[in-house]
Amino acid sequence: MALVISWTDESDLRYANIVTYLEINWTDTETYSLESRLVKALALISENPYVYAISVLNTRIRKANIDVNNFLLYRVDEDKEDIKILTFCSTRQQPLH
């Protein structure tokens, strides 16, 4: 049974910022590629939530590499039967401080 995936406000905002960054600084090809890979990764996570590696800092969090430049962190809650996308990150941009 596939688990429901939800996004935190932070992860949603960060993803939107990355897409905007790609639209401004790259081509439509990169934007489409990211979206396509993300959809595939989310489908995989929904069906098999433990497929990606456990975070070294917190064993309740997993890291899914979407491509060489982007990854997301998520947490599985078996009691609620859902998955929460905690953050979405790009290695192309400077970290936010």
Protein backbone atom coordinates (compact mmCIF):
# COMPACT_ATOMS: atom_id res chain seq x y z
CA MET A 1 0.00 0.00 0.00
CA ALA A 2 1.37 3.38 -1.01
CA LEU A 3 1.86 5.93 1.74
CA VAL A 4 0.61 9.51 1.42
CA ILE A 5 3.34 12.12 0.93
CA SER A 6 3.04 15.64 2.29
CA TRP A 7 5.41 18.59 2.15
CA THR A 8 6.33 20.97 4.95
CA ASP A 9 5.97 24.67 4.19
CA GLU A 10 9.76 24.96 4.17
CA SER A 11 10.26 22.13 1.68
CA ASP A 12 7.53 23.49 -0.58
CA LEU A 13 9.09 26.96 -0.56
CA ARG A 14 12.59 25.64 -1.16
CA TYR A 15 11.41 23.52 -4.09
CA ALA A 16 9.61 26.52 -5.61
CA ASN A 17 12.76 28.63 -5.20
CA ILE A 18 14.87 25.98 -6.94
CA VAL A 19 12.45 25.76 -9.85
CA THR A 20 12.47 29.56 -10.14
CA TYR A 21 16.28 29.54 -10.07
CA LEU A 22 16.35 26.95 -12.87
CA GLU A 23 13.83 28.90 -14.94
CA ILE A 24 15.95 32.07 -14.66
CA ASN A 25 19.46 30.64 -14.95
CA TRP A 26 19.06 27.42 -16.94
CA THR A 27 16.86 26.08 -19.72
CA ASP A 28 13.43 24.48 -19.71
CA THR A 29 15.18 21.13 -20.19
CA GLU A 30 16.73 21.27 -16.72
CA THR A 31 13.46 22.31 -15.12
CA TYR A 32 11.54 19.52 -16.84
CA SER A 33 14.26 17.00 -15.96
CA LEU A 34 14.12 17.94 -12.28
CA GLU A 35 10.33 17.70 -12.18
CA SER A 36 10.36 14.35 -13.98
CA ARG A 37 13.00 12.86 -11.67
CA LEU A 38 11.18 14.21 -8.62
CA VAL A 39 7.90 12.59 -9.66
CA LYS A 40 9.67 9.25 -10.13
CA ALA A 41 11.46 9.53 -6.77
CA LEU A 42 8.24 10.44 -4.94
CA ALA A 43 6.42 7.47 -6.49
CA LEU A 44 9.25 5.19 -5.40
CA ILE A 45 9.27 6.64 -1.87
CA SER A 46 5.50 6.27 -1.60
CA GLU A 47 5.64 2.58 -2.53
CA ASN A 48 8.91 1.74 -0.77
CA PRO A 49 9.67 4.40 1.87
CA TYR A 50 12.87 2.75 3.10
CA VAL A 51 14.57 2.59 -0.29
CA TYR A 52 16.84 5.60 0.31
CA ALA A 53 19.72 5.89 2.77
CA ILE A 54 19.31 6.81 6.41
CA SER A 55 20.75 10.18 7.42
CA VAL A 56 23.98 10.02 9.40
CA LEU A 57 22.74 12.74 11.73
CA ASN A 58 19.27 11.36 12.46
CA THR A 59 18.19 7.76 11.88
CA ARG A 60 14.54 8.79 11.48
CA ILE A 61 15.38 10.87 8.40
CA ARG A 62 16.24 9.60 4.92
CA LYS A 63 17.99 11.33 2.04
CA ALA A 64 16.81 10.87 -1.55
CA ASN A 65 19.17 12.08 -4.25
CA ILE A 66 16.97 13.34 -7.06
CA ASP A 67 19.91 14.06 -9.36
CA VAL A 68 23.53 15.20 -8.96
CA ASN A 69 22.38 18.71 -7.97
CA ASN A 70 19.25 18.13 -5.88
CA PHE A 71 18.14 16.03 -2.95
CA LEU A 72 15.35 15.89 -0.43
CA LEU A 73 15.12 14.77 3.18
CA TYR A 74 12.04 12.95 4.41
CA ARG A 75 10.64 11.15 7.44
CA VAL A 76 8.37 8.10 7.48
CA ASP A 77 5.61 7.94 10.09
CA GLU A 78 4.27 4.39 10.09
CA ASP A 79 1.63 5.15 12.73
CA LYS A 80 0.06 7.83 10.56
CA GLU A 81 0.92 5.93 7.36
CA ASP A 82 2.44 9.00 5.78
CA ILE A 83 5.71 10.47 4.61
CA LYS A 84 6.73 14.07 5.29
CA ILE A 85 9.12 15.85 2.93
CA LEU A 86 11.17 17.92 5.36
CA THR A 87 13.35 19.91 2.98
CA PHE A 88 14.45 20.10 -0.64
CA CYS A 89 18.00 21.23 -1.41
CA SER A 90 20.08 22.20 -4.40
CA THR A 91 23.86 22.07 -4.55
CA ARG A 92 23.83 24.73 -7.31
CA GLN A 93 23.04 27.61 -4.97
CA GLN A 94 24.82 29.07 -1.99
CA PRO A 95 23.37 27.83 1.31
CA LEU A 96 20.90 30.12 3.03
CA HIS A 97 22.20 31.53 6.32
